[in-house]
């Protein structure tokens, strides 16, 4: 096999077409997940929320018993359950809202 240099040129329309190749379309947000996959995702997220809420309750109990210095040292390098609770709840709510709006839109349009 020999290495051969190949030169080519693209016109402006070809460049625009190639730049738009992997762009997200506005219709992508109208697609809904299958009900089984969506319910499975909801179930795993709720299980994660249960685990995080238990660890957050333990975190709050520790907060009452430890001093500020001990508290600062005790939680270094550990997962902040409050932060993860907020992100998981936000993701759960947004996915359910998008799913319900997509279902309602599909029933009205189709």
Protein backbone atom coordinates (compact mmCIF):
# COMPACT_ATOMS: atom_id res chain seq x y z
CA UNK A 1 0.00 0.00 0.00
CA UNK A 2 1.21 3.44 -0.88
CA UNK A 3 0.32 6.69 0.78
CA UNK A 4 -1.23 8.96 -1.81
CA UNK A 5 -2.21 12.52 -1.08
CA UNK A 6 -5.67 13.33 -2.35
CA UNK A 7 -6.80 16.90 -2.61
CA UNK A 8 -10.44 17.80 -2.78
CA UNK A 9 -12.57 20.86 -2.43
CA UNK A 10 -16.03 21.47 -1.04
CA UNK A 11 -18.29 24.22 -2.12
CA UNK A 12 -20.23 26.34 0.35
CA UNK A 13 -23.43 24.28 0.17
CA UNK A 14 -21.55 21.06 0.85
CA UNK A 15 -19.87 22.63 3.87
CA UNK A 16 -23.24 23.74 5.28
CA UNK A 17 -24.69 20.30 4.69
CA UNK A 18 -21.80 18.60 6.50
CA UNK A 19 -22.03 21.06 9.43
CA UNK A 20 -25.75 20.29 9.83
CA UNK A 21 -25.22 16.54 9.73
CA UNK A 22 -25.31 15.80 13.48
CA UNK A 23 -27.35 18.78 14.67
CA UNK A 24 -30.33 18.11 16.90
CA UNK A 25 -33.62 18.78 15.17
CA UNK A 26 -36.57 20.51 16.84
CA UNK A 27 -38.63 17.39 16.26
CA UNK A 28 -36.29 15.33 18.48
CA UNK A 29 -37.91 16.82 21.57
CA UNK A 30 -41.31 15.53 20.41
CA UNK A 31 -40.19 11.91 20.51
CA UNK A 32 -41.31 9.98 23.57
CA UNK A 33 -39.73 7.00 25.25
CA UNK A 34 -41.43 3.64 25.44
CA UNK A 35 -43.58 3.27 28.53
CA UNK A 36 -41.55 0.33 29.83
CA UNK A 37 -38.24 2.17 29.56
CA UNK A 38 -39.68 5.33 31.08
CA UNK A 39 -41.22 3.49 34.03
CA UNK A 40 -37.96 1.59 34.60
CA UNK A 41 -36.01 4.87 34.62
CA UNK A 42 -38.54 6.36 37.05
CA UNK A 43 -38.25 3.34 39.34
CA UNK A 44 -34.46 3.45 39.46
CA UNK A 45 -34.50 7.20 40.07
CA UNK A 46 -36.99 6.83 42.93
CA UNK A 47 -34.82 4.09 44.47
CA UNK A 48 -31.84 6.44 44.21
CA UNK A 49 -33.89 9.21 45.82
CA UNK A 50 -34.79 6.90 48.70
CA UNK A 51 -31.13 6.00 49.27
CA UNK A 52 -30.04 9.64 49.05
CA UNK A 53 -32.77 10.84 51.42
CA UNK A 54 -31.66 8.29 54.03
CA UNK A 55 -28.06 9.42 53.73
CA UNK A 56 -29.16 13.08 53.89
CA UNK A 57 -31.07 12.37 57.10
CA UNK A 58 -27.93 10.79 58.58
CA UNK A 59 -25.94 13.79 57.31
CA UNK A 60 -28.28 16.16 59.19
CA UNK A 61 -28.03 14.11 62.39
CA UNK A 62 -24.24 14.31 62.20
CA UNK A 63 -24.51 18.03 61.67
CA UNK A 64 -26.21 18.44 65.06
CA UNK A 65 -23.65 16.41 66.99
CA UNK A 66 -20.37 17.61 65.45
CA UNK A 67 -18.69 20.97 65.79
CA UNK A 68 -18.02 23.11 62.71
CA UNK A 69 -14.38 22.04 62.46
CA UNK A 70 -15.20 18.34 62.84
CA UNK A 71 -18.05 18.70 60.37
CA UNK A 72 -15.79 20.31 57.77
CA UNK A 73 -13.28 17.48 58.12
CA UNK A 74 -15.85 14.67 58.31
CA UNK A 75 -17.44 15.37 54.91
CA UNK A 76 -14.30 15.91 52.84
CA UNK A 77 -14.34 13.69 49.76
CA UNK A 78 -17.84 12.34 50.40
CA UNK A 79 -20.87 12.65 48.16
CA UNK A 80 -23.16 15.54 49.06
CA UNK A 81 -26.61 13.89 49.22
CA UNK A 82 -28.49 17.19 49.15
CA UNK A 83 -26.91 18.20 45.86
CA UNK A 84 -27.61 14.82 44.28
CA UNK A 85 -31.19 14.87 45.59
CA UNK A 86 -31.78 18.21 43.90
CA UNK A 87 -30.36 17.09 40.56
CA UNK A 88 -32.21 13.76 40.59
CA UNK A 89 -35.53 15.39 41.46
CA UNK A 90 -35.04 17.99 38.73
CA UNK A 91 -34.19 15.31 36.16
CA UNK A 92 -37.13 13.15 37.24
CA UNK A 93 -39.61 16.01 37.06
CA UNK A 94 -38.36 17.28 33.70
CA UNK A 95 -38.39 13.83 32.09
CA UNK A 96 -41.92 13.14 33.36
CA UNK A 97 -43.18 16.53 32.20
CA UNK A 98 -41.64 16.08 28.75
CA UNK A 99 -43.04 12.56 28.50
CA UNK A 100 -46.56 13.66 29.51
CA UNK A 101 -46.55 16.66 27.18
CA UNK A 102 -45.36 14.47 24.32
CA UNK A 103 -48.10 11.93 24.99
CA UNK A 104 -50.79 14.62 25.14
CA UNK A 105 -49.48 16.24 21.97
CA UNK A 106 -49.46 12.90 20.18
CA UNK A 107 -53.04 12.15 21.22
CA UNK A 108 -54.26 15.53 19.98
CA UNK A 109 -52.30 15.58 16.72
CA UNK A 110 -52.48 11.93 15.77
